[in-house]
Amino acid sequence: MMINESKNGHVHSQRSQVRAYIQQLRKGQRPSVRPPLGIWEATVQNIERAYEKCQGDVQKLEVVLEALAHQHPSLAELLAPLIPTVEEIAREEQAQTDFPMLPPEACLPVELGRDACYFLDIYEQFSREASPEGYDGFHAFCGIWLLSVVAARRVYLPFNTKRIHTNVMIALCGRTSLFAKSTTARVAKEILYAAGLGHLLGPDRATPAKLLSDMTGKLLPPNYGDLPIEKQEQLRSRLAQAGQRGLFFDEFGKFMQGMLKRGSMTSDFAELFLTLDACPPEYENSTIARGGEPIQKPYLSLLGSMTPSNLRESARTGSDFWTEGFGARVSFVTAPIDQYKDQPLHPTELAIPEELIHTLVQWHHRLGVPDCQIIQLEEESSKGKGQVRYTIERGELSENVCSITHEAYNAWKRYRSALKGMLISFPGEDFHGSYTRLPETAMRMAILMASLENENHIELRHWAKAQDLAEKLRLNLHELYRQINAPQSSSDLARLEDEIHRTLTHLNSRGVGCISVSQLKNSYLKAYSLKDLREAMESMVMAGVLYKEVTPHATGGKYSIATAQI
């Protein structure tokens, strides 16, 4: 067995040390520490004797080493350029084309954010119990949406003349029926209602005109005076913060499909969401809502569930979806195809932890609730009958200012610079908008955590937690992109075979002659299932395009380009 084929981790590590030692000698430098040489002891002794005879002349040493290499195959192997593994090549190339890793100066230890938000920790734990089949990534971001809804534009961080508010747009993505998207999202809504804050939610379905009309806070139902006191109080609470709404769309994928079609009933939502994402002081759209009143301090926080197939037609590689603004503002949380769970619900009651409810209620009141009065008027109609009318008087929405430590701000700057620097490595511009907005999305999450539990003061621990969540969003963005562009038809199968052939040809040029199906999936074609890859590669073997070799160490077989075997 060749040394470089050994699976012994100790031997592989020792071999690396020996190579490094020899490379120093080849440069004319004798290391002060001689590493353990093991099975290479005799070989390295020959090199050391040659080094002494050449007295530091590296050119003479190279001539001697070349002669020794012809006599000793083990030395020739040590002197030969390293052939990288499939995984090493993949890691290197992912830094350029797939999921580039953060540079060391922008990285933060995950442990640094562990104590950033106790509420989120408890929320995630409860959400996993309430929705055990939910994709792991869904729970934390449903919690973030819940906090964003309660914040309701009442806290911000100033950046020069700009204000960073806490609104988010989050889409839970996963194949139908596998990842409990609706069940997981419903946990956040139930907690909101349990805290008596359901009035902060907008309708599940509404036209743009209806939503904008509701957000003006000027309308009462015709039968308001006949409603029970409890219902009147709910309406008063809703009108107090009419311009700030949380939205949940259970069929967000279909909603987006309609929104992206010009002239559809929901197409006006695209412009609305784009504009309100910046939280302008006032919003009025006479096109959508004719004669409507302006909305004061508008704020929308969105959560939706969808499948990747909802975007397959509109968000493929190079499509306008990624560059026209809306897609880049959505935080996609995407469940990998093979990570579903089989954990049914239990036939027992599961109570919402009181500390979750109490924390939200306390925070809601601390942020400040505008006073709202519904005052009854009376006027005489032309027929002499009294007609009851009402006027709504609403106080100003309070906006609390956040602060940030220099340490946290500098970490944000490093993260922002790192993502910006990655843009030139992508072959197209599909990720540019998302990467550019991700640092601000992270800061919005940091504001929420600091406001909830640290009196509106952002410390490094809050930023570290927010950056960790942002990195999960970045990884999930790439997962969605892969799933959208995965093959679905015969033409897509041809594309998959082209990708397999192109990848194996490339690896062959880098010195890797063969690869297993699992290596190909784990390192390159992650969007495809093992089954699809194996079937495609077996088909290519039958067609004579690939060559398959089964060995005792690779019983499933390893594949290579057929011409490489000639």
Protein backbone atom coordinates (compact mmCIF):
# COMPACT_ATOMS: atom_id res chain seq x y z
CA MET A 1 0.00 0.00 0.00
CA MET A 2 1.36 3.42 -0.95
CA ILE A 3 1.98 5.73 1.99
CA ASN A 4 -0.28 8.46 0.63
CA GLU A 5 -3.16 5.98 0.47
CA SER A 6 -2.94 5.14 4.19
CA LYS A 7 -6.06 5.77 6.26
CA ASN A 8 -4.12 6.02 9.48
CA GLY A 9 -4.60 9.58 10.73
CA HIS A 10 -1.35 9.47 12.76
CA VAL A 11 0.71 8.43 9.73
CA HIS A 12 -0.89 11.15 7.61
CA SER A 13 -0.09 13.79 10.23
CA GLN A 14 3.49 12.53 10.64
CA ARG A 15 3.99 12.51 6.88
CA SER A 16 2.96 16.20 6.76
CA GLN A 17 5.54 17.04 9.44
CA VAL A 18 8.26 15.13 7.57
CA ARG A 19 7.44 16.93 4.32
CA ALA A 20 7.58 20.30 6.10
CA TYR A 21 10.96 19.38 7.60
CA ILE A 22 12.37 18.37 4.22
CA GLN A 23 11.06 21.55 2.58
CA GLN A 24 12.99 23.64 5.15
CA LEU A 25 16.19 21.70 4.33
CA ARG A 26 15.61 22.31 0.62
CA LYS A 27 15.50 26.04 1.35
CA GLY A 28 18.90 25.81 3.07
CA GLN A 29 17.46 26.07 6.57
CA ARG A 30 18.04 23.44 9.26
CA PRO A 31 15.04 23.44 11.64
CA SER A 32 15.92 23.64 15.33
CA VAL A 33 13.38 20.91 16.14
CA ARG A 34 13.60 17.53 14.40
CA PRO A 35 10.12 15.95 14.22
CA PRO A 36 9.46 12.24 14.84
CA LEU A 37 10.29 10.59 11.50
CA GLY A 38 8.84 7.10 12.01
CA ILE A 39 9.02 5.00 8.85
CA TRP A 40 10.85 7.83 7.05
CA GLU A 41 13.83 7.85 9.45
CA ALA A 42 16.31 6.23 7.07
CA THR A 43 15.15 8.31 4.11
CA VAL A 44 15.49 11.61 5.97
CA GLN A 45 18.94 10.63 7.31
CA ASN A 46 20.11 10.41 3.67
CA ILE A 47 18.75 13.93 3.03
CA GLU A 48 20.43 15.28 6.17
CA ARG A 49 23.79 13.83 5.11
CA ALA A 50 23.36 15.40 1.67
CA TYR A 51 22.47 18.72 3.34
CA GLU A 52 25.70 18.65 5.37
CA LYS A 53 27.85 17.83 2.33
CA CYS A 54 26.29 20.65 0.27
CA GLN A 55 26.94 23.15 3.10
CA GLY A 56 23.78 25.17 2.43
CA ASP A 57 24.08 25.25 -1.38
CA VAL A 58 20.43 24.61 -2.31
CA GLN A 59 21.18 24.05 -6.01
CA LYS A 60 23.67 21.29 -5.22
CA LEU A 61 21.24 19.83 -2.72
CA GLU A 62 18.51 19.63 -5.38
CA VAL A 63 20.86 17.69 -7.69
CA VAL A 64 21.68 15.23 -4.91
CA LEU A 65 18.02 14.88 -3.93
CA GLU A 66 17.03 14.13 -7.52
CA ALA A 67 19.61 11.34 -7.66
CA LEU A 68 18.48 9.96 -4.30
CA ALA A 69 14.84 10.04 -5.42
CA HIS A 70 15.65 7.66 -8.29
CA GLN A 71 17.16 5.23 -5.77
CA HIS A 72 14.52 5.53 -3.04
CA PRO A 73 10.84 5.49 -4.10
CA SER A 74 9.73 6.62 -0.63
CA LEU A 75 11.82 9.79 -1.01
CA ALA A 76 10.41 10.42 -4.48
CA GLU A 77 6.96 10.26 -2.96
CA LEU A 78 7.86 12.76 -0.25
CA LEU A 79 9.37 15.18 -2.76
CA ALA A 80 6.45 14.92 -5.22
CA PRO A 81 3.85 17.71 -5.19
CA LEU A 82 0.92 16.88 -2.93
CA ILE A 83 -2.22 15.69 -4.72
CA PRO A 84 -5.12 17.34 -2.88
CA THR A 85 -8.10 15.29 -1.80
CA VAL A 86 -11.54 15.84 -3.28
CA GLU A 87 -12.62 17.51 -0.05
CA GLU A 88 -9.60 19.86 -0.05
CA ILE A 89 -10.23 20.89 -3.64
CA ALA A 90 -13.91 21.43 -2.88
CA ARG A 91 -13.17 23.59 0.16
CA GLU A 92 -10.79 25.72 -1.86
CA GLU A 93 -13.24 26.21 -4.70
CA GLN A 94 -16.25 26.79 -2.47
CA ALA A 95 -14.41 29.83 -1.19
CA GLN A 96 -14.73 31.20 -4.72
CA THR A 97 -17.96 29.92 -6.22
CA ASP A 98 -20.26 28.18 -3.76
CA PHE A 99 -20.20 29.26 -0.13
CA PRO A 100 -17.10 31.32 0.56
CA MET A 101 -15.93 31.10 4.13
CA LEU A 102 -15.41 34.20 6.23
CA PRO A 103 -11.80 35.38 6.53
CA PRO A 104 -10.31 34.77 9.99
CA GLU A 105 -10.42 38.47 10.93
CA ALA A 106 -14.22 38.51 10.51
CA CYS A 107 -14.94 35.29 12.40
CA LEU A 108 -16.30 35.29 15.95
CA PRO A 109 -16.48 32.28 18.29
CA VAL A 110 -20.01 30.90 18.54
CA GLU A 111 -19.55 30.76 22.32
CA LEU A 112 -19.30 34.56 22.40
CA GLY A 113 -23.02 34.86 21.63
CA ARG A 114 -24.27 32.10 23.89
CA ASP A 115 -25.58 34.48 26.57
CA ALA A 116 -26.84 37.16 24.19
CA CYS A 117 -30.57 36.45 24.46
CA TYR A 118 -32.07 34.20 27.11
CA PHE A 119 -35.53 34.67 25.60
CA LEU A 120 -34.45 33.18 22.25
CA ASP A 121 -32.87 30.20 24.02
CA ILE A 122 -36.11 29.44 25.87
CA TYR A 123 -38.18 30.12 22.75
CA GLU A 124 -36.14 27.70 20.62
CA GLN A 125 -36.41 25.00 23.27
CA PHE A 126 -40.19 25.41 23.49
CA SER A 127 -40.61 25.63 19.71
CA ARG A 128 -38.71 22.35 19.22
CA GLU A 129 -41.10 20.67 21.67
CA ALA A 130 -44.18 22.23 20.07
CA SER A 131 -43.03 21.45 16.52
CA PRO A 132 -40.61 18.50 16.73
CA GLU A 133 -40.55 17.93 12.98
CA GLY A 134 -39.64 21.53 12.19
CA TYR A 135 -36.33 22.06 10.44
CA ASP A 136 -33.76 23.10 13.06
CA GLY A 137 -33.17 26.48 11.44
CA PHE A 138 -36.84 27.47 11.51
CA HIS A 139 -37.16 27.84 15.28
CA ALA A 140 -34.70 30.67 15.93
CA PHE A 141 -35.90 32.76 13.01
CA CYS A 142 -39.55 32.40 13.96
CA GLY A 143 -38.44 33.73 17.34
CA ILE A 144 -36.70 36.66 15.64
CA TRP A 145 -39.89 37.43 13.69
CA LEU A 146 -41.91 37.33 16.92
CA LEU A 147 -39.57 39.89 18.53
CA SER A 148 -39.67 42.02 15.39
CA VAL A 149 -43.47 42.15 15.47
CA VAL A 150 -43.52 43.20 19.13
CA ALA A 151 -40.81 45.84 18.58
CA ALA A 152 -43.17 47.52 16.09
CA ARG A 153 -40.73 50.25 15.05
CA ARG A 154 -40.22 51.43 18.61
CA VAL A 155 -36.44 50.91 18.74
CA TYR A 156 -33.69 51.81 16.28
CA LEU A 157 -29.94 52.34 15.92
CA PRO A 158 -28.80 55.62 14.33
CA PHE A 159 -26.23 55.42 11.54
CA ASN A 160 -25.52 59.05 10.61
CA THR A 161 -28.76 60.28 9.00
CA LYS A 162 -30.05 56.73 8.58
CA ARG A 163 -31.96 54.75 11.16
CA ILE A 164 -31.75 50.97 11.33
CA HIS A 165 -35.08 49.59 12.51
CA THR A 166 -35.98 46.02 13.38
CA ASN A 167 -38.35 44.89 10.63
CA VAL A 168 -37.56 41.55 8.96
CA MET A 169 -38.86 39.50 6.03
CA ILE A 170 -38.33 35.80 6.65
CA ALA A 171 -39.37 32.90 4.41
CA LEU A 172 -39.38 29.31 5.72
CA CYS A 173 -38.52 27.13 2.72
CA GLY A 174 -38.83 23.37 2.48
CA ARG A 175 -40.48 20.61 0.52
CA THR A 176 -44.17 20.13 1.14
CA SER A 177 -45.17 18.12 4.26
CA LEU A 178 -41.60 17.29 5.33
CA PHE A 179 -40.51 20.16 7.56
CA ALA A 180 -43.58 21.39 9.51
CA LYS A 181 -43.28 24.97 8.25
CA SER A 182 -46.80 26.04 9.22
CA THR A 183 -46.72 24.27 12.60
CA THR A 184 -43.42 25.90 13.51
CA ALA A 185 -44.61 29.37 12.48
CA ARG A 186 -47.87 28.91 14.38
CA VAL A 187 -45.89 28.61 17.65
CA ALA A 188 -44.78 32.24 17.30
CA LYS A 189 -48.32 33.41 16.57
CA GLU A 190 -49.75 31.52 19.55
CA ILE A 191 -47.24 33.12 21.91
CA LEU A 192 -48.13 36.54 20.50
CA TYR A 193 -51.82 35.97 21.21
CA ALA A 194 -51.10 34.48 24.64
CA ALA A 195 -49.24 37.68 25.52
CA GLY A 196 -52.30 39.74 24.52
CA LEU A 197 -50.43 41.24 21.57
CA GLY A 198 -52.41 39.69 18.72
CA HIS A 199 -53.55 43.19 17.72
CA LEU A 200 -50.06 43.75 16.25
CA LEU A 201 -50.79 41.20 13.51
CA GLY A 202 -52.29 42.13 10.18
CA PRO A 203 -54.82 40.01 8.28
CA ASP A 204 -53.79 36.64 6.86
CA ARG A 205 -55.14 37.70 3.47
CA ALA A 206 -55.60 41.21 2.14
CA THR A 207 -55.18 43.24 -1.01
CA PRO A 208 -52.55 45.99 -0.95
CA ALA A 209 -55.31 48.61 -0.85
CA LYS A 210 -57.03 46.95 2.13
CA LEU A 211 -53.77 46.57 4.05
CA LEU A 212 -52.83 50.20 3.50
CA SER A 213 -56.30 51.36 4.46
CA ASP A 214 -56.10 49.41 7.73
CA MET A 215 -52.64 50.84 8.47
CA THR A 216 -53.89 54.42 8.35
CA GLY A 217 -55.80 53.75 11.56
CA LYS A 218 -58.71 55.93 10.51
CA LEU A 219 -61.46 53.37 10.05
CA LEU A 220 -63.89 51.76 12.46
CA PRO A 221 -66.42 49.04 11.63
CA PRO A 222 -69.97 50.40 11.13
CA ASN A 223 -71.22 48.39 14.12
CA TYR A 224 -68.48 49.56 16.50
CA GLY A 225 -70.99 50.92 19.03
CA ASP A 226 -72.78 47.58 19.20
CA LEU A 227 -69.66 45.53 19.90
CA PRO A 228 -68.92 44.10 23.37
CA ILE A 229 -66.53 46.18 25.47
CA GLU A 230 -63.83 43.53 25.08
CA LYS A 231 -63.99 43.79 21.26
CA GLN A 232 -63.96 47.58 21.41
CA GLU A 233 -60.84 47.44 23.57
CA GLN A 234 -59.13 45.13 21.07
CA LEU A 235 -59.94 47.58 18.30
CA ARG A 236 -58.57 50.46 20.33
CA SER A 237 -55.29 48.58 20.88
CA ARG A 238 -55.08 47.81 17.16
CA LEU A 239 -55.69 51.45 16.20
CA ALA A 240 -53.07 52.65 18.70
CA GLN A 241 -50.36 51.03 16.53
CA ALA A 242 -52.22 50.78 13.24
CA GLY A 243 -49.21 51.59 11.04
CA GLN A 244 -47.03 48.84 12.49
CA ARG A 245 -47.98 45.34 11.50
CA GLY A 246 -46.71 41.78 11.58
CA LEU A 247 -47.79 39.62 8.66
CA PHE A 248 -47.84 35.85 8.26
CA PHE A 249 -48.51 34.27 4.87
CA ASP A 250 -48.92 30.49 5.05
CA GLU A 251 -48.83 30.25 1.25
CA PHE A 252 -46.07 32.76 0.77
CA GLY A 253 -44.68 30.90 -2.24
CA LYS A 254 -47.89 31.26 -4.24
CA PHE A 255 -48.19 34.81 -2.97
CA MET A 256 -44.71 35.58 -4.33
CA GLN A 257 -45.52 33.95 -7.66
CA GLY A 258 -48.48 36.29 -8.05
CA MET A 259 -46.57 39.27 -6.74
CA LEU A 260 -43.84 38.80 -9.37
CA LYS A 261 -46.36 38.77 -12.22
CA ARG A 262 -47.03 42.26 -13.51
CA GLY A 263 -50.69 43.18 -13.44
CA SER A 264 -51.71 40.52 -10.93
CA MET A 265 -53.85 41.35 -7.89
CA THR A 266 -50.82 41.11 -5.58
CA SER A 267 -48.15 42.69 -7.83
CA ASP A 268 -48.42 46.00 -5.95
CA PHE A 269 -47.11 44.28 -2.83
CA ALA A 270 -43.59 44.10 -4.33
CA GLU A 271 -43.25 47.88 -4.45
CA LEU A 272 -44.95 48.23 -1.07
CA PHE A 273 -42.56 45.82 0.67
CA LEU A 274 -39.53 47.39 -1.00
CA THR A 275 -40.50 50.88 0.09
CA LEU A 276 -41.55 50.05 3.63
CA ASP A 277 -38.40 48.01 4.24
CA ALA A 278 -36.61 51.34 4.79
CA CYS A 279 -39.25 52.47 7.33
CA PRO A 280 -39.92 55.96 5.91
CA PRO A 281 -41.46 58.52 8.30
CA GLU A 282 -44.66 58.50 6.26
CA TYR A 283 -46.11 56.53 3.37
CA GLU A 284 -48.85 57.39 0.93
CA ASN A 285 -49.62 55.64 -2.35
CA SER A 286 -52.48 57.19 -4.26
CA THR A 287 -52.23 54.48 -6.94
CA ILE A 288 -52.91 51.61 -4.57
CA ALA A 289 -55.24 53.39 -2.15
CA ARG A 290 -57.14 56.16 -3.88
CA GLY A 291 -57.77 59.09 -1.65
CA GLY A 292 -56.22 57.19 1.26
CA GLU A 293 -54.75 58.88 4.29
CA PRO A 294 -50.95 58.73 4.71
CA ILE A 295 -49.58 56.08 7.06
CA GLN A 296 -47.52 57.50 9.90
CA LYS A 297 -44.32 55.63 10.77
CA PRO A 298 -45.14 52.50 8.71
CA TYR A 299 -43.53 49.20 9.65
CA LEU A 300 -44.07 45.68 8.32
CA SER A 301 -42.49 42.48 9.61
CA LEU A 302 -43.16 39.45 7.43
CA LEU A 303 -43.02 35.69 7.97
CA GLY A 304 -44.07 33.23 5.29
CA SER A 305 -43.77 29.57 4.33
CA MET A 306 -43.03 28.28 0.85
CA THR A 307 -41.40 25.53 -1.17
CA PRO A 308 -38.30 25.98 -3.35
CA SER A 309 -40.38 24.89 -6.34
CA ASN A 310 -42.45 28.08 -5.93
CA LEU A 311 -39.41 30.01 -7.18
CA ARG A 312 -38.13 27.57 -9.78
CA GLU A 313 -39.50 29.54 -12.71
CA SER A 314 -38.65 33.03 -11.47
CA ALA A 315 -35.41 32.63 -9.50
CA ARG A 316 -33.11 30.43 -11.55
CA THR A 317 -29.51 31.43 -12.13
CA GLY A 318 -29.23 34.88 -13.70
CA SER A 319 -32.90 35.81 -13.25
CA ASP A 320 -34.09 39.29 -12.31
CA PHE A 321 -35.47 37.95 -9.03
CA TRP A 322 -32.06 38.23 -7.39
CA THR A 323 -31.17 41.69 -8.67
CA GLU A 324 -34.44 43.66 -8.67
CA GLY A 325 -34.46 44.19 -4.93
CA PHE A 326 -37.27 42.17 -3.35
CA GLY A 327 -35.58 38.77 -3.36
CA ALA A 328 -32.43 40.26 -1.83
CA ARG A 329 -34.42 41.64 1.11
CA VAL A 330 -35.97 38.29 2.06
CA SER A 331 -34.14 36.09 4.56
CA PHE A 332 -34.62 32.55 3.26
CA VAL A 333 -34.36 29.72 5.81
CA THR A 334 -34.08 26.60 3.65
CA ALA A 335 -34.32 23.01 4.85
CA PRO A 336 -31.86 20.64 3.09
CA ILE A 337 -33.75 17.92 1.24
CA ASP A 338 -32.40 15.03 3.32
CA GLN A 339 -32.78 16.56 6.81
CA TYR A 340 -36.45 15.86 7.51
CA LYS A 341 -37.52 14.33 10.83
CA ASP A 342 -40.09 11.72 11.78
CA GLN A 343 -41.19 12.89 15.25
CA PRO A 344 -44.99 13.08 15.58
CA LEU A 345 -46.74 15.34 18.06
CA HIS A 346 -47.72 13.93 21.46
CA PRO A 347 -51.39 13.69 22.57
CA THR A 348 -50.81 15.97 25.56
CA GLU A 349 -51.21 19.68 26.36
CA LEU A 350 -48.04 21.74 26.07
CA ALA A 351 -48.24 24.99 28.00
CA ILE A 352 -46.42 28.08 26.78
CA PRO A 353 -43.69 28.98 29.30
CA GLU A 354 -44.87 31.89 31.42
CA GLU A 355 -41.46 33.56 31.19
CA LEU A 356 -41.90 33.96 27.43
CA ILE A 357 -45.24 35.69 27.85
CA HIS A 358 -44.10 37.83 30.76
CA THR A 359 -40.92 38.97 28.96
CA LEU A 360 -42.84 40.09 25.87
CA VAL A 361 -45.50 41.95 27.86
CA GLN A 362 -42.91 43.78 29.95
CA TRP A 363 -40.90 44.75 26.87
CA HIS A 364 -44.01 45.91 25.00
CA HIS A 365 -44.92 48.34 27.79
CA ARG A 366 -41.33 49.46 28.34
CA LEU A 367 -41.05 50.45 24.68
CA GLY A 368 -44.09 52.67 25.10
CA VAL A 369 -47.70 52.19 23.99
CA PRO A 370 -49.33 55.19 22.26
CA ASP A 371 -52.47 56.49 23.87
CA CYS A 372 -55.54 56.03 21.69
CA GLN A 373 -59.00 57.44 22.33
CA ILE A 374 -62.15 56.69 20.34
CA ILE A 375 -64.47 59.62 21.03
CA GLN A 376 -68.16 59.44 20.27
CA LEU A 377 -69.78 62.34 18.40
CA GLU A 378 -73.42 62.90 17.49
CA GLU A 379 -74.98 64.86 14.70
CA GLU A 380 -78.50 65.36 13.39
CA SER A 381 -79.36 63.76 10.08
CA SER A 382 -81.68 65.37 7.56
CA LYS A 383 -84.48 63.15 8.81
CA GLY A 384 -84.01 64.31 12.38
CA LYS A 385 -82.65 61.01 13.65
CA GLY A 386 -79.44 60.95 15.64
CA GLN A 387 -76.51 59.38 13.78
CA VAL A 388 -73.54 58.31 15.93
CA ARG A 389 -70.07 59.10 14.63
CA TYR A 390 -66.62 58.65 16.15
CA THR A 391 -63.29 60.37 15.96
CA ILE A 392 -59.96 58.66 16.68
CA GLU A 393 -57.26 60.52 18.58
CA ARG A 394 -53.92 58.77 18.74
CA GLY A 395 -50.70 59.72 20.52
CA GLU A 396 -47.23 59.73 18.96
CA LEU A 397 -45.43 56.39 18.54
CA SER A 398 -42.36 56.39 20.78
CA GLU A 399 -39.02 55.46 19.21
CA ASN A 400 -36.23 54.34 21.55
CA VAL A 401 -32.61 54.90 20.56
CA CYS A 402 -30.14 52.02 20.74
CA SER A 403 -26.42 52.40 21.36
CA ILE A 404 -23.54 50.10 20.41
CA THR A 405 -20.09 49.50 21.88
CA HIS A 406 -16.98 50.22 19.79
CA GLU A 407 -16.09 46.53 20.01
CA ALA A 408 -19.42 45.43 18.55
CA TYR A 409 -19.39 48.15 15.90
CA ASN A 410 -15.89 47.19 14.74
CA ALA A 411 -16.95 43.54 14.50
CA TRP A 412 -19.92 44.62 12.35
CA LYS A 413 -17.57 46.59 10.08
CA ARG A 414 -15.28 43.58 9.66
CA TYR A 415 -18.23 41.37 8.78
CA ARG A 416 -19.59 43.92 6.31
CA SER A 417 -16.17 44.30 4.64
CA ALA A 418 -15.73 40.53 4.44
CA LEU A 419 -19.07 40.00 2.65
CA LYS A 420 -18.45 42.93 0.33
CA GLY A 421 -15.05 41.51 -0.58
CA MET A 422 -16.63 38.18 -1.54
CA LEU A 423 -18.79 39.69 -4.29
CA ILE A 424 -16.02 39.73 -6.89
CA SER A 425 -15.49 35.98 -6.46
CA PHE A 426 -18.95 35.08 -7.77
CA PRO A 427 -19.32 34.39 -11.51
CA GLY A 428 -22.57 36.41 -11.68
CA GLU A 429 -24.45 38.97 -9.61
CA ASP A 430 -27.19 36.75 -8.18
CA PHE A 431 -25.83 36.95 -4.61
CA HIS A 432 -24.76 40.60 -4.67
CA GLY A 433 -27.99 42.09 -3.31
CA SER A 434 -28.41 39.51 -0.55
CA TYR A 435 -24.79 39.75 0.60
CA THR A 436 -24.93 43.55 0.62
CA ARG A 437 -28.03 43.61 2.85
CA LEU A 438 -27.07 40.77 5.18
CA PRO A 439 -24.97 42.91 7.59
CA GLU A 440 -27.93 45.23 8.14
CA THR A 441 -30.25 42.27 8.68
CA ALA A 442 -27.82 41.03 11.31
CA MET A 443 -27.76 44.44 12.98
CA ARG A 444 -31.56 44.47 13.09
CA MET A 445 -31.44 41.18 14.99
CA ALA A 446 -28.77 42.53 17.35
CA ILE A 447 -30.97 45.55 18.12
CA LEU A 448 -33.88 43.26 19.01
CA MET A 449 -31.82 41.18 21.43
CA ALA A 450 -30.16 44.19 23.07
CA SER A 451 -33.43 46.07 23.44
CA LEU A 452 -35.22 43.08 24.93
CA GLU A 453 -32.65 42.17 27.57
CA ASN A 454 -29.96 44.86 27.79
CA GLU A 455 -31.72 48.23 27.95
CA ASN A 456 -31.17 49.08 24.28
CA HIS A 457 -27.37 48.72 24.45
CA ILE A 458 -25.68 46.45 21.90
CA GLU A 459 -22.61 44.65 23.19
CA LEU A 460 -20.27 42.27 21.40
CA ARG A 461 -22.22 39.24 22.62
CA HIS A 462 -25.36 40.53 20.89
CA TRP A 463 -23.48 41.14 17.67
CA ALA A 464 -21.79 37.73 17.88
CA LYS A 465 -25.19 36.02 18.16
CA ALA A 466 -26.59 38.14 15.33
CA GLN A 467 -23.60 37.38 13.10
CA ASP A 468 -23.99 33.67 13.79
CA LEU A 469 -27.65 33.89 12.75
CA ALA A 470 -26.68 35.91 9.66
CA GLU A 471 -24.16 33.24 8.67
CA LYS A 472 -26.90 30.64 8.94
CA LEU A 473 -29.03 32.79 6.63
CA ARG A 474 -26.13 33.04 4.18
CA LEU A 475 -25.69 29.27 4.17
CA ASN A 476 -29.46 28.78 3.75
CA LEU A 477 -29.47 31.22 0.84
CA HIS A 478 -26.99 29.02 -1.01
CA GLU A 479 -29.03 25.93 -0.15
CA LEU A 480 -32.14 27.52 -1.68
CA TYR A 481 -30.16 28.52 -4.76
CA ARG A 482 -28.94 24.93 -5.21
CA GLN A 483 -32.42 23.47 -4.79
CA ILE A 484 -33.99 25.93 -7.22
CA ASN A 485 -31.44 25.02 -9.87
CA ALA A 486 -31.58 21.25 -9.28
CA PRO A 487 -32.83 19.14 -12.23
CA GLN A 488 -36.51 18.25 -12.43
CA SER A 489 -37.08 17.04 -16.01
CA SER A 490 -35.29 15.18 -18.83
CA SER A 491 -33.58 18.40 -19.88
CA ASP A 492 -32.58 18.91 -16.25
CA LEU A 493 -31.19 15.36 -16.18
CA ALA A 494 -28.99 16.24 -19.13
CA ARG A 495 -27.82 19.27 -17.21
CA LEU A 496 -27.00 17.06 -14.20
CA GLU A 497 -24.94 14.73 -16.36
CA ASP A 498 -23.12 17.75 -17.77
CA GLU A 499 -22.38 18.94 -14.24
CA ILE A 500 -21.07 15.50 -13.24
CA HIS A 501 -18.85 15.30 -16.31
CA ARG A 502 -17.56 18.84 -15.85
CA THR A 503 -16.80 18.23 -12.17
CA LEU A 504 -14.95 14.95 -12.78
CA THR A 505 -12.99 16.46 -15.66
CA HIS A 506 -11.97 19.36 -13.44
CA LEU A 507 -10.93 17.05 -10.58
CA ASN A 508 -8.93 14.94 -12.99
CA SER A 509 -7.01 18.05 -14.03
CA ARG A 510 -6.23 18.64 -10.34
CA GLY A 511 -4.83 15.13 -9.90
CA VAL A 512 -7.93 13.37 -8.52
CA GLY A 513 -8.67 10.53 -10.89
CA CYS A 514 -11.76 9.01 -9.30
CA ILE A 515 -14.52 9.93 -6.86
CA SER A 516 -17.37 8.23 -5.03
CA VAL A 517 -21.01 9.29 -5.26
CA SER A 518 -21.02 10.47 -1.65
CA GLN A 519 -17.85 12.54 -2.17
CA LEU A 520 -19.41 14.19 -5.20
CA LYS A 521 -22.56 15.05 -3.26
CA ASN A 522 -20.89 16.21 -0.06
CA SER A 523 -18.26 18.36 -1.75
CA TYR A 524 -19.85 19.58 -4.98
CA LEU A 525 -23.37 18.71 -6.12
CA LYS A 526 -25.09 19.17 -2.76
CA ALA A 527 -28.49 20.04 -4.20
CA TYR A 528 -28.99 16.53 -5.57
CA SER A 529 -29.92 13.41 -3.67
CA LEU A 530 -27.57 10.43 -3.55
CA LYS A 531 -30.17 8.46 -5.47
CA ASP A 532 -30.30 10.96 -8.35
CA LEU A 533 -26.52 11.19 -8.54
CA ARG A 534 -26.02 7.43 -8.44
CA GLU A 535 -28.62 6.81 -11.14
CA ALA A 536 -27.15 9.50 -13.38
CA MET A 537 -23.59 8.21 -12.93
CA GLU A 538 -24.62 4.59 -13.57
CA SER A 539 -26.33 5.76 -16.74
CA MET A 540 -23.14 7.52 -17.79
CA VAL A 541 -21.17 4.31 -17.11
CA MET A 542 -23.55 2.35 -19.36
CA ALA A 543 -23.06 4.98 -22.05
CA GLY A 544 -19.30 4.68 -21.80
CA VAL A 545 -18.85 8.25 -20.54
CA LEU A 546 -17.69 7.22 -17.07
CA TYR A 547 -15.64 4.31 -15.80
CA LYS A 548 -16.55 2.60 -12.52
CA GLU A 549 -14.12 0.68 -10.34
CA VAL A 550 -15.11 -1.31 -7.25
CA THR A 551 -12.40 -2.00 -4.66
CA PRO A 552 -12.37 -3.51 -1.15
CA HIS A 553 -12.13 0.05 0.21
CA ALA A 554 -14.87 1.44 -2.08
CA THR A 555 -17.53 -1.23 -2.39
CA GLY A 556 -19.98 1.31 -3.79
CA GLY A 557 -17.53 2.08 -6.53
CA LYS A 558 -15.53 5.10 -7.61
CA TYR A 559 -16.11 6.87 -10.89
CA SER A 560 -13.75 8.54 -13.33
CA ILE A 561 -13.85 9.95 -16.84
CA ALA A 562 -13.70 6.98 -19.22
CA THR A 563 -11.03 8.56 -21.42
CA ALA A 564 -8.82 8.92 -18.35
CA GLN A 565 -8.57 5.13 -18.21
CA ILE A 566 -7.16 4.75 -21.74
